[in-house]
N, C-alpha and C. Protein backbone atom coordinates (compact mmCIF):
# COMPACT_ATOMS: atom_id res chain seq x y z
N MET A 1 91.30 92.93 87.41
CA MET A 1 90.93 91.63 87.95
C MET A 1 90.85 90.61 86.82
N LEU A 2 91.37 89.43 87.10
CA LEU A 2 91.37 88.36 86.10
C LEU A 2 90.02 87.68 86.01
N CYS A 3 89.78 87.00 84.91
CA CYS A 3 88.64 86.09 84.83
C CYS A 3 88.85 85.02 85.90
N MET A 4 87.79 84.66 86.60
CA MET A 4 87.89 83.70 87.70
C MET A 4 87.89 82.25 87.23
N HIS A 5 87.54 82.02 85.96
CA HIS A 5 87.49 80.66 85.41
C HIS A 5 86.74 79.74 86.37
N CYS A 6 85.51 80.14 86.64
CA CYS A 6 84.68 79.47 87.64
C CYS A 6 84.38 78.01 87.28
N GLU A 7 84.19 77.23 88.33
CA GLU A 7 83.73 75.86 88.12
C GLU A 7 82.29 75.86 87.65
N ASN A 8 81.51 76.83 88.15
CA ASN A 8 80.11 76.99 87.75
C ASN A 8 79.93 78.36 87.09
N PRO A 9 80.47 78.57 85.90
CA PRO A 9 80.48 79.90 85.29
C PRO A 9 79.11 80.36 84.80
N PRO A 10 78.59 81.48 85.30
CA PRO A 10 77.29 81.97 84.82
C PRO A 10 77.33 82.43 83.36
N CYS A 11 78.52 82.77 82.87
CA CYS A 11 78.62 83.18 81.46
C CYS A 11 78.32 82.02 80.52
N VAL A 12 78.67 80.81 80.94
CA VAL A 12 78.37 79.62 80.13
C VAL A 12 76.87 79.41 80.05
N SER A 13 76.20 79.59 81.20
CA SER A 13 74.74 79.41 81.24
C SER A 13 74.02 80.47 80.42
N ALA A 14 74.58 81.68 80.40
CA ALA A 14 73.93 82.78 79.70
C ALA A 14 74.13 82.72 78.19
N ALA A 15 75.18 82.04 77.75
CA ALA A 15 75.51 82.01 76.33
C ALA A 15 74.59 81.09 75.54
N GLU A 16 74.37 81.46 74.30
CA GLU A 16 73.60 80.63 73.38
C GLU A 16 74.53 79.91 72.42
N ASN A 17 74.10 78.76 71.95
CA ASN A 17 74.83 78.00 70.92
C ASN A 17 76.24 77.60 71.35
N GLY A 18 76.44 77.41 72.66
CA GLY A 18 77.76 76.99 73.13
C GLY A 18 78.83 78.03 72.91
N ALA A 19 78.45 79.32 72.92
CA ALA A 19 79.41 80.38 72.64
C ALA A 19 80.46 80.53 73.72
N VAL A 20 80.17 80.06 74.93
CA VAL A 20 81.15 80.06 76.01
C VAL A 20 81.20 78.64 76.56
N TYR A 21 82.41 78.14 76.74
CA TYR A 21 82.54 76.75 77.21
C TYR A 21 83.76 76.63 78.12
N LYS A 22 83.77 75.56 78.87
CA LYS A 22 84.88 75.31 79.78
C LYS A 22 85.70 74.13 79.26
N ARG A 23 86.99 74.34 79.10
CA ARG A 23 87.87 73.30 78.63
C ARG A 23 88.08 72.23 79.70
N PRO A 24 88.59 71.06 79.33
CA PRO A 24 88.88 70.02 80.33
C PRO A 24 89.83 70.48 81.42
N ASP A 25 90.73 71.43 81.10
CA ASP A 25 91.67 71.93 82.12
C ASP A 25 91.07 73.02 83.00
N GLY A 26 89.79 73.37 82.76
CA GLY A 26 89.10 74.34 83.59
C GLY A 26 89.09 75.75 83.07
N ILE A 27 89.83 76.04 82.01
CA ILE A 27 89.87 77.39 81.45
C ILE A 27 88.56 77.67 80.70
N VAL A 28 87.94 78.80 81.00
CA VAL A 28 86.68 79.19 80.36
C VAL A 28 87.01 80.02 79.12
N ILE A 29 86.44 79.63 77.99
CA ILE A 29 86.76 80.25 76.70
C ILE A 29 85.49 80.82 76.05
N ILE A 30 85.61 82.00 75.47
CA ILE A 30 84.54 82.58 74.66
C ILE A 30 84.88 82.37 73.19
N ASP A 31 83.98 81.75 72.46
CA ASP A 31 84.16 81.56 71.02
C ASP A 31 83.75 82.88 70.34
N PRO A 32 84.70 83.60 69.74
CA PRO A 32 84.38 84.93 69.19
C PRO A 32 83.38 84.89 68.03
N GLN A 33 83.31 83.78 67.33
CA GLN A 33 82.37 83.68 66.22
C GLN A 33 80.95 83.45 66.73
N LYS A 34 80.81 82.49 67.62
CA LYS A 34 79.48 82.16 68.15
C LYS A 34 78.95 83.24 69.08
N ALA A 35 79.87 83.98 69.74
CA ALA A 35 79.44 84.95 70.75
C ALA A 35 79.09 86.30 70.16
N LYS A 36 79.23 86.47 68.88
CA LYS A 36 78.97 87.77 68.25
C LYS A 36 77.54 88.23 68.55
N GLY A 37 77.42 89.44 69.06
CA GLY A 37 76.11 90.01 69.34
C GLY A 37 75.48 89.60 70.66
N GLN A 38 76.12 88.72 71.41
CA GLN A 38 75.53 88.21 72.65
C GLN A 38 76.00 89.05 73.87
N LYS A 39 75.40 90.20 74.05
CA LYS A 39 75.78 91.08 75.15
C LYS A 39 75.46 90.48 76.51
N GLN A 40 74.51 89.55 76.54
CA GLN A 40 74.13 88.96 77.83
C GLN A 40 75.26 88.17 78.45
N ILE A 41 76.24 87.77 77.65
CA ILE A 41 77.39 87.03 78.19
C ILE A 41 78.19 87.93 79.13
N ALA A 42 78.44 89.16 78.69
CA ALA A 42 79.17 90.11 79.53
C ALA A 42 78.36 90.47 80.76
N ALA A 43 77.06 90.65 80.59
CA ALA A 43 76.21 91.04 81.71
C ALA A 43 76.09 89.95 82.77
N ALA A 44 76.32 88.69 82.39
CA ALA A 44 76.14 87.58 83.32
C ALA A 44 77.25 87.46 84.34
N CYS A 45 78.41 88.07 84.09
CA CYS A 45 79.55 87.90 84.99
C CYS A 45 79.41 88.80 86.22
N PRO A 46 79.28 88.25 87.42
CA PRO A 46 79.16 89.10 88.62
C PRO A 46 80.44 89.85 88.95
N TYR A 47 81.56 89.40 88.43
CA TYR A 47 82.84 90.09 88.67
C TYR A 47 83.10 91.20 87.65
N ARG A 48 82.29 91.27 86.62
CA ARG A 48 82.44 92.28 85.56
C ARG A 48 83.82 92.23 84.90
N VAL A 49 84.32 91.02 84.68
CA VAL A 49 85.62 90.89 84.02
C VAL A 49 85.47 90.56 82.53
N ILE A 50 84.24 90.40 82.07
CA ILE A 50 83.99 90.24 80.64
C ILE A 50 83.56 91.61 80.11
N TYR A 51 84.29 92.14 79.16
CA TYR A 51 83.94 93.45 78.63
C TYR A 51 83.40 93.32 77.21
N TRP A 52 82.61 94.30 76.83
CA TRP A 52 81.97 94.28 75.52
C TRP A 52 82.78 95.11 74.54
N ASN A 53 83.24 94.46 73.48
CA ASN A 53 84.00 95.13 72.43
C ASN A 53 83.02 95.64 71.38
N GLU A 54 82.74 96.94 71.46
CA GLU A 54 81.76 97.53 70.54
C GLU A 54 82.18 97.40 69.08
N GLU A 55 83.47 97.57 68.84
CA GLU A 55 83.95 97.54 67.46
C GLU A 55 83.75 96.15 66.83
N LYS A 56 84.07 95.12 67.60
CA LYS A 56 83.95 93.76 67.06
C LYS A 56 82.61 93.10 67.38
N ASN A 57 81.80 93.77 68.25
CA ASN A 57 80.47 93.27 68.60
C ASN A 57 80.54 91.90 69.29
N ILE A 58 81.55 91.76 70.17
CA ILE A 58 81.70 90.50 70.89
C ILE A 58 82.12 90.75 72.35
N PRO A 59 81.81 89.80 73.24
CA PRO A 59 82.32 89.86 74.60
C PRO A 59 83.73 89.29 74.63
N GLN A 60 84.61 89.85 75.46
CA GLN A 60 85.99 89.38 75.54
C GLN A 60 86.46 89.34 76.99
N LYS A 61 87.46 88.49 77.25
CA LYS A 61 88.04 88.37 78.59
C LYS A 61 89.38 87.66 78.50
N GLY A 62 90.03 87.50 79.64
CA GLY A 62 91.31 86.80 79.68
C GLY A 62 91.16 85.30 79.48
N THR A 63 92.18 84.69 78.88
CA THR A 63 92.12 83.25 78.56
C THR A 63 93.29 82.46 79.13
N PHE A 64 94.13 83.11 79.97
CA PHE A 64 95.36 82.46 80.44
C PHE A 64 96.29 82.10 79.28
N ARG A 65 96.11 82.77 78.14
CA ARG A 65 96.90 82.44 76.93
C ARG A 65 96.82 80.94 76.65
N ALA A 66 95.60 80.45 76.58
CA ALA A 66 95.37 79.02 76.42
C ALA A 66 96.06 78.44 75.18
N HIS A 67 96.16 79.25 74.13
CA HIS A 67 96.79 78.75 72.91
C HIS A 67 98.27 78.45 73.13
N LEU A 68 98.91 79.21 74.03
CA LEU A 68 100.31 78.94 74.33
C LEU A 68 100.45 77.70 75.21
N LEU A 69 99.52 77.53 76.13
CA LEU A 69 99.54 76.32 76.95
C LEU A 69 99.37 75.08 76.07
N ASP A 70 98.54 75.20 75.05
CA ASP A 70 98.35 74.08 74.13
C ASP A 70 99.62 73.77 73.34
N GLN A 71 100.49 74.79 73.23
CA GLN A 71 101.76 74.59 72.51
C GLN A 71 102.86 74.07 73.43
N GLY A 72 102.53 73.85 74.69
CA GLY A 72 103.52 73.28 75.60
C GLY A 72 104.03 74.20 76.68
N TRP A 73 103.58 75.45 76.70
CA TRP A 73 103.98 76.36 77.76
C TRP A 73 103.50 75.82 79.10
N LYS A 74 104.28 76.05 80.15
CA LYS A 74 103.94 75.56 81.47
C LYS A 74 103.08 76.55 82.26
N GLU A 75 103.08 77.82 81.83
CA GLU A 75 102.30 78.85 82.50
C GLU A 75 102.02 79.97 81.54
N PRO A 76 101.00 80.80 81.82
CA PRO A 76 100.70 81.93 80.93
C PRO A 76 101.85 82.92 80.87
N ARG A 77 101.83 83.76 79.85
CA ARG A 77 102.91 84.73 79.65
C ARG A 77 103.04 85.67 80.85
N CYS A 78 101.91 86.10 81.45
CA CYS A 78 101.97 87.04 82.57
C CYS A 78 102.70 86.44 83.76
N ALA A 79 102.44 85.16 84.05
CA ALA A 79 103.11 84.51 85.18
C ALA A 79 104.58 84.31 84.88
N GLU A 80 104.90 83.95 83.66
CA GLU A 80 106.29 83.72 83.28
C GLU A 80 107.10 85.02 83.33
N ALA A 81 106.47 86.13 82.91
CA ALA A 81 107.20 87.39 82.79
C ALA A 81 107.30 88.17 84.09
N CYS A 82 106.47 87.87 85.08
CA CYS A 82 106.46 88.68 86.30
C CYS A 82 107.78 88.54 87.06
N PRO A 83 108.54 89.61 87.26
CA PRO A 83 109.85 89.52 87.90
C PRO A 83 109.79 89.20 89.39
N THR A 84 108.63 89.43 90.02
CA THR A 84 108.52 89.17 91.46
C THR A 84 107.74 87.90 91.76
N GLN A 85 107.37 87.16 90.72
CA GLN A 85 106.60 85.93 90.87
C GLN A 85 105.33 86.16 91.68
N ALA A 86 104.67 87.26 91.35
CA ALA A 86 103.42 87.60 92.04
C ALA A 86 102.27 86.70 91.60
N MET A 87 102.45 86.01 90.48
CA MET A 87 101.40 85.12 89.97
C MET A 87 101.90 83.68 89.99
N VAL A 88 101.07 82.81 90.50
CA VAL A 88 101.39 81.38 90.55
C VAL A 88 100.33 80.64 89.76
N PHE A 89 100.75 79.85 88.80
CA PHE A 89 99.84 79.11 87.93
C PHE A 89 100.16 77.63 88.04
N GLY A 90 99.13 76.81 88.03
CA GLY A 90 99.41 75.37 88.10
C GLY A 90 98.15 74.54 88.13
N ASP A 91 98.35 73.25 88.36
CA ASP A 91 97.27 72.27 88.36
C ASP A 91 96.72 72.14 89.78
N MET A 92 95.50 72.60 89.99
CA MET A 92 94.89 72.53 91.31
C MET A 92 94.51 71.11 91.71
N ASP A 93 94.48 70.21 90.74
CA ASP A 93 94.16 68.81 91.04
C ASP A 93 95.40 68.00 91.43
N ASP A 94 96.58 68.61 91.27
CA ASP A 94 97.83 67.96 91.63
C ASP A 94 98.27 68.47 93.00
N PRO A 95 98.18 67.65 94.04
CA PRO A 95 98.53 68.12 95.39
C PRO A 95 99.99 68.53 95.54
N LYS A 96 100.83 68.14 94.59
CA LYS A 96 102.25 68.50 94.65
C LYS A 96 102.57 69.79 93.92
N SER A 97 101.61 70.36 93.22
CA SER A 97 101.87 71.60 92.48
C SER A 97 102.00 72.77 93.45
N ASP A 98 102.70 73.81 93.01
CA ASP A 98 102.90 74.99 93.86
C ASP A 98 101.57 75.63 94.24
N ILE A 99 100.64 75.68 93.29
CA ILE A 99 99.36 76.32 93.58
C ILE A 99 98.57 75.53 94.60
N SER A 100 98.62 74.20 94.52
CA SER A 100 97.91 73.37 95.49
C SER A 100 98.52 73.52 96.89
N LYS A 101 99.84 73.66 96.95
CA LYS A 101 100.50 73.85 98.24
C LYS A 101 100.12 75.19 98.85
N LEU A 102 100.00 76.22 98.02
CA LEU A 102 99.58 77.53 98.52
C LEU A 102 98.17 77.48 99.07
N ILE A 103 97.28 76.83 98.35
CA ILE A 103 95.89 76.72 98.81
C ILE A 103 95.83 75.94 100.12
N ALA A 104 96.60 74.87 100.21
CA ALA A 104 96.62 74.06 101.43
C ALA A 104 97.18 74.82 102.62
N SER A 105 98.01 75.84 102.35
CA SER A 105 98.61 76.61 103.44
C SER A 105 97.60 77.53 104.11
N GLY A 106 96.47 77.74 103.47
CA GLY A 106 95.45 78.63 104.03
C GLY A 106 95.66 80.09 103.71
N LYS A 107 96.67 80.41 102.91
CA LYS A 107 96.97 81.80 102.59
C LYS A 107 96.09 82.36 101.47
N VAL A 108 95.52 81.47 100.67
CA VAL A 108 94.76 81.91 99.50
C VAL A 108 93.33 82.26 99.91
N GLU A 109 92.85 83.42 99.43
CA GLU A 109 91.49 83.86 99.71
C GLU A 109 90.72 83.99 98.39
N TRP A 110 89.42 83.82 98.49
CA TRP A 110 88.55 83.96 97.33
C TRP A 110 87.73 85.22 97.53
N ILE A 111 87.65 86.05 96.50
CA ILE A 111 87.06 87.38 96.65
C ILE A 111 85.58 87.32 97.06
N HIS A 112 84.81 86.48 96.40
CA HIS A 112 83.38 86.39 96.73
C HIS A 112 82.94 84.93 96.83
N PRO A 113 83.33 84.23 97.87
CA PRO A 113 82.91 82.83 98.00
C PRO A 113 81.40 82.68 98.12
N GLU A 114 80.73 83.77 98.52
CA GLU A 114 79.27 83.71 98.67
C GLU A 114 78.56 83.54 97.32
N TYR A 115 79.27 83.82 96.22
CA TYR A 115 78.67 83.61 94.90
C TYR A 115 78.51 82.12 94.58
N LYS A 116 79.27 81.28 95.28
CA LYS A 116 79.20 79.81 95.11
C LYS A 116 79.50 79.39 93.67
N LEU A 117 80.47 80.05 93.04
CA LEU A 117 80.85 79.73 91.67
C LEU A 117 82.09 78.84 91.62
N LYS A 118 82.72 78.60 92.77
CA LYS A 118 83.94 77.79 92.86
C LYS A 118 85.02 78.35 91.93
N GLU A 119 85.35 79.60 92.17
CA GLU A 119 86.35 80.29 91.36
C GLU A 119 87.70 79.58 91.41
N LYS A 120 88.43 79.65 90.32
CA LYS A 120 89.75 79.02 90.23
C LYS A 120 90.89 80.04 90.40
N VAL A 121 90.55 81.30 90.58
CA VAL A 121 91.56 82.34 90.79
C VAL A 121 91.40 82.89 92.20
N GLY A 122 92.46 82.77 92.99
CA GLY A 122 92.44 83.27 94.35
C GLY A 122 93.54 84.30 94.55
N TYR A 123 93.55 84.92 95.73
CA TYR A 123 94.50 85.98 96.02
C TYR A 123 95.12 85.79 97.40
N ILE A 124 96.33 86.28 97.55
CA ILE A 124 97.00 86.30 98.85
C ILE A 124 97.14 87.76 99.30
N GLY A 125 96.81 88.02 100.54
CA GLY A 125 96.99 89.36 101.08
C GLY A 125 95.94 90.36 100.65
N LEU A 126 94.71 89.91 100.46
CA LEU A 126 93.65 90.85 100.11
C LEU A 126 93.50 91.90 101.21
N PRO A 127 93.38 93.16 100.85
CA PRO A 127 93.22 94.19 101.89
C PRO A 127 91.90 94.03 102.61
N LYS A 128 91.94 94.22 103.93
CA LYS A 128 90.74 94.14 104.74
C LYS A 128 90.14 95.54 104.90
N ARG A 129 88.96 95.60 105.45
CA ARG A 129 88.28 96.87 105.66
C ARG A 129 88.45 97.36 107.09
N PHE A 130 88.24 98.65 107.29
CA PHE A 130 88.24 99.19 108.66
C PHE A 130 87.02 100.09 108.84
N ILE A 131 86.61 100.22 110.09
CA ILE A 131 85.57 101.17 110.48
C ILE A 131 86.17 102.04 111.57
N ALA A 132 86.13 103.35 111.38
CA ALA A 132 86.76 104.26 112.33
C ALA A 132 85.88 105.49 112.53
N GLY A 133 86.21 106.26 113.55
CA GLY A 133 85.48 107.49 113.82
C GLY A 133 86.13 108.27 114.94
N THR A 134 85.60 109.45 115.22
CA THR A 134 86.10 110.31 116.29
C THR A 134 84.90 110.77 117.13
N VAL A 135 85.00 110.55 118.43
CA VAL A 135 83.89 110.89 119.33
C VAL A 135 84.20 112.18 120.08
N VAL A 136 83.18 113.02 120.20
CA VAL A 136 83.32 114.32 120.88
C VAL A 136 82.19 114.47 121.91
N PHE A 137 82.53 114.98 123.10
CA PHE A 137 81.51 115.33 124.08
C PHE A 137 80.90 116.67 123.68
N GLY A 138 79.61 116.66 123.33
CA GLY A 138 78.98 117.86 122.82
C GLY A 138 78.87 118.98 123.83
N ASP A 139 78.66 118.64 125.11
CA ASP A 139 78.49 119.68 126.12
C ASP A 139 79.80 120.36 126.50
N LYS A 140 80.89 119.66 126.25
CA LYS A 140 82.20 120.21 126.60
C LYS A 140 83.00 120.66 125.37
N ASP A 141 82.52 120.21 124.18
CA ASP A 141 83.22 120.50 122.93
C ASP A 141 84.69 120.08 123.02
N GLU A 142 84.89 118.84 123.49
CA GLU A 142 86.25 118.32 123.61
C GLU A 142 86.28 116.85 123.21
N CYS A 143 87.45 116.36 122.91
CA CYS A 143 87.62 114.96 122.51
C CYS A 143 87.12 114.04 123.61
N ALA A 144 86.41 112.99 123.21
CA ALA A 144 85.81 112.07 124.18
C ALA A 144 86.68 110.83 124.33
N GLY A 145 87.57 110.86 125.32
CA GLY A 145 88.43 109.71 125.57
C GLY A 145 87.76 108.68 126.46
N ASN A 146 88.20 107.44 126.30
CA ASN A 146 87.71 106.33 127.13
C ASN A 146 86.21 106.08 126.98
N VAL A 147 85.69 106.34 125.78
CA VAL A 147 84.28 106.05 125.48
C VAL A 147 84.19 104.64 124.92
N SER A 148 83.17 103.90 125.32
CA SER A 148 82.99 102.52 124.88
C SER A 148 82.40 102.46 123.48
N VAL A 149 83.04 101.72 122.59
CA VAL A 149 82.56 101.53 121.22
C VAL A 149 82.50 100.03 120.95
N THR A 150 81.32 99.53 120.56
CA THR A 150 81.12 98.10 120.36
C THR A 150 80.74 97.81 118.91
N LEU A 151 81.42 96.86 118.32
CA LEU A 151 81.15 96.41 116.95
C LEU A 151 80.52 95.02 117.01
N THR A 152 79.37 94.84 116.35
CA THR A 152 78.72 93.54 116.30
C THR A 152 78.28 93.24 114.87
N GLY A 153 78.05 91.96 114.62
CA GLY A 153 77.58 91.52 113.30
C GLY A 153 78.56 90.61 112.62
N GLN A 154 78.05 89.67 111.81
CA GLN A 154 78.88 88.76 111.03
C GLN A 154 79.87 87.99 111.92
N GLY A 155 79.40 87.60 113.11
CA GLY A 155 80.26 86.85 114.01
C GLY A 155 81.21 87.70 114.83
N GLU A 156 81.20 89.01 114.62
CA GLU A 156 82.07 89.92 115.36
C GLU A 156 81.35 90.45 116.60
N ASN A 157 82.11 90.56 117.69
CA ASN A 157 81.60 91.21 118.91
C ASN A 157 82.81 91.76 119.65
N GLN A 158 83.18 92.98 119.27
CA GLN A 158 84.37 93.62 119.82
C GLN A 158 83.99 94.93 120.53
N THR A 159 84.62 95.17 121.65
CA THR A 159 84.43 96.44 122.34
C THR A 159 85.79 97.05 122.63
N LEU A 160 85.94 98.32 122.33
CA LEU A 160 87.18 99.03 122.64
C LEU A 160 86.84 100.41 123.19
N ALA A 161 87.85 101.09 123.67
CA ALA A 161 87.67 102.44 124.21
C ALA A 161 88.38 103.44 123.31
N THR A 162 87.77 104.60 123.13
CA THR A 162 88.41 105.64 122.33
C THR A 162 89.70 106.11 123.01
N ASN A 163 90.65 106.58 122.22
CA ASN A 163 91.90 107.08 122.80
C ASN A 163 91.73 108.51 123.30
N ASN A 164 92.80 109.13 123.72
CA ASN A 164 92.72 110.48 124.28
C ASN A 164 92.21 111.53 123.29
N PHE A 165 92.30 111.20 121.99
CA PHE A 165 91.82 112.12 120.97
C PHE A 165 90.38 111.80 120.54
N GLY A 166 89.76 110.81 121.21
CA GLY A 166 88.41 110.42 120.88
C GLY A 166 88.31 109.49 119.68
N ASP A 167 89.45 109.00 119.19
CA ASP A 167 89.46 108.17 117.99
C ASP A 167 89.29 106.69 118.32
N PHE A 168 88.67 105.96 117.40
CA PHE A 168 88.58 104.50 117.49
C PHE A 168 88.69 103.92 116.09
N GLU A 169 89.10 102.66 116.02
CA GLU A 169 89.21 101.98 114.73
C GLU A 169 89.14 100.48 114.92
N PHE A 170 88.28 99.84 114.13
CA PHE A 170 88.20 98.39 114.05
C PHE A 170 88.84 97.98 112.73
N GLU A 171 89.86 97.13 112.78
CA GLU A 171 90.61 96.76 111.59
C GLU A 171 90.38 95.30 111.22
N GLY A 172 90.83 94.94 110.03
CA GLY A 172 90.82 93.55 109.59
C GLY A 172 89.44 92.98 109.36
N LEU A 173 88.48 93.81 108.96
CA LEU A 173 87.11 93.35 108.76
C LEU A 173 86.92 92.82 107.34
N GLU A 174 86.01 91.86 107.21
CA GLU A 174 85.72 91.30 105.89
C GLU A 174 85.01 92.32 105.02
N ARG A 175 85.25 92.20 103.74
CA ARG A 175 84.60 93.08 102.76
C ARG A 175 83.13 92.73 102.61
N ASP A 176 82.34 93.72 102.24
CA ASP A 176 80.93 93.53 101.88
C ASP A 176 80.14 92.83 102.99
N ARG A 177 80.36 93.27 104.24
CA ARG A 177 79.64 92.69 105.38
C ARG A 177 78.91 93.81 106.14
N GLU A 178 77.83 93.44 106.81
CA GLU A 178 77.04 94.42 107.56
C GLU A 178 77.40 94.36 109.04
N PHE A 179 77.63 95.53 109.63
CA PHE A 179 78.00 95.63 111.04
C PHE A 179 77.20 96.74 111.71
N SER A 180 77.10 96.65 113.05
CA SER A 180 76.53 97.72 113.85
C SER A 180 77.62 98.25 114.77
N VAL A 181 77.67 99.57 114.91
CA VAL A 181 78.62 100.23 115.79
C VAL A 181 77.83 101.02 116.83
N ARG A 182 78.00 100.67 118.11
CA ARG A 182 77.29 101.35 119.20
C ARG A 182 78.30 102.11 120.05
N ILE A 183 78.03 103.40 120.26
CA ILE A 183 78.93 104.26 121.03
C ILE A 183 78.16 104.76 122.25
N GLU A 184 78.72 104.51 123.43
CA GLU A 184 78.00 104.89 124.65
C GLU A 184 78.97 105.29 125.76
N HIS A 185 78.46 106.17 126.64
CA HIS A 185 79.26 106.65 127.76
C HIS A 185 78.29 107.12 128.85
N PRO A 186 78.58 106.80 130.11
CA PRO A 186 77.68 107.19 131.19
C PRO A 186 77.38 108.69 131.17
N GLY A 187 76.08 109.02 131.30
CA GLY A 187 75.67 110.42 131.32
C GLY A 187 75.36 111.00 129.96
N TYR A 188 75.54 110.20 128.90
CA TYR A 188 75.28 110.68 127.54
C TYR A 188 74.40 109.68 126.80
N GLY A 189 73.64 110.18 125.84
CA GLY A 189 72.86 109.30 125.00
C GLY A 189 73.77 108.54 124.04
N HIS A 190 73.38 107.31 123.70
CA HIS A 190 74.23 106.49 122.83
C HIS A 190 73.99 106.84 121.36
N GLN A 191 74.93 106.44 120.54
CA GLN A 191 74.83 106.59 119.08
C GLN A 191 74.96 105.20 118.47
N LEU A 192 74.14 104.90 117.46
CA LEU A 192 74.17 103.59 116.80
C LEU A 192 74.25 103.79 115.29
N PHE A 193 75.19 103.09 114.65
CA PHE A 193 75.37 103.16 113.21
C PHE A 193 75.32 101.76 112.62
N ASN A 194 74.56 101.59 111.55
CA ASN A 194 74.55 100.34 110.79
C ASN A 194 75.29 100.60 109.48
N VAL A 195 76.33 99.83 109.23
CA VAL A 195 77.18 100.10 108.07
C VAL A 195 77.46 98.81 107.31
N LYS A 196 77.91 98.96 106.08
CA LYS A 196 78.30 97.83 105.23
C LYS A 196 79.67 98.13 104.65
N THR A 197 80.59 97.19 104.77
CA THR A 197 81.99 97.41 104.40
C THR A 197 82.24 97.23 102.90
N LEU A 198 81.49 97.96 102.10
CA LEU A 198 81.79 97.97 100.67
C LEU A 198 83.11 98.68 100.42
N THR A 199 83.42 99.65 101.29
CA THR A 199 84.70 100.35 101.28
C THR A 199 85.13 100.52 102.73
N ASP A 200 86.32 101.07 102.95
CA ASP A 200 86.69 101.48 104.30
C ASP A 200 85.72 102.56 104.75
N ILE A 201 85.40 102.57 106.04
CA ILE A 201 84.38 103.49 106.53
C ILE A 201 84.95 104.39 107.64
N TYR A 202 84.84 105.69 107.45
CA TYR A 202 85.14 106.65 108.50
C TYR A 202 83.84 107.36 108.84
N LEU A 203 83.36 107.19 110.06
CA LEU A 203 82.06 107.72 110.46
C LEU A 203 82.11 109.21 110.78
N GLY A 204 83.30 109.78 110.75
CA GLY A 204 83.42 111.20 110.98
C GLY A 204 83.38 111.56 112.45
N GLU A 205 83.02 112.79 112.72
CA GLU A 205 82.95 113.28 114.10
C GLU A 205 81.57 112.93 114.68
N ILE A 206 81.57 112.17 115.74
CA ILE A 206 80.34 111.69 116.36
C ILE A 206 80.18 112.42 117.70
N ILE A 207 79.10 113.16 117.82
CA ILE A 207 78.90 114.00 119.01
C ILE A 207 77.95 113.33 119.99
N LEU A 208 78.39 113.16 121.23
CA LEU A 208 77.55 112.62 122.28
C LEU A 208 76.96 113.78 123.09
N VAL A 209 75.66 113.71 123.31
CA VAL A 209 74.98 114.76 124.07
C VAL A 209 74.11 114.14 125.16
């Protein structure tokens, strides 16, 4: 993961003596001389993209090759060298730039907007989370088809029925969100699960009795 080059970077606030600063173009820079010994700079990053170099006793991170940009380069080396153009670099304040057009298209996502750091690095096609499971009728020891499964939370309210194999799956869920899954069928007690989508979730074999 790249440095997010936040508009409100917590590493700048954590640093002493101006050891971390934001350039006029928005790139966040760590001064290796001033930052020596300041482990709190690395600890302040919620994305954990600042690593501590034990040998040099300094925090380090990506800089977009700012020194090359200062020499007239139009984009960092990684963006220039990528054969599939997976990286797009540009001026977010210029509505005509490629990056601004991508953001305006609605395709760009921010990994943790809830941090309120106004990150400058976004992604397209971030993988979503799923919640899945398999329901079994305990008294019959057989797959429980056509069982009602309801997902609620975070603005979601979906109900589906298990397939002939007792399987269900909710797809396209946001990361790091809390949901409730309720499984019920006439004549059986219900099952309720409270989960958080830190990862994809498979609830396993769920037995109704």
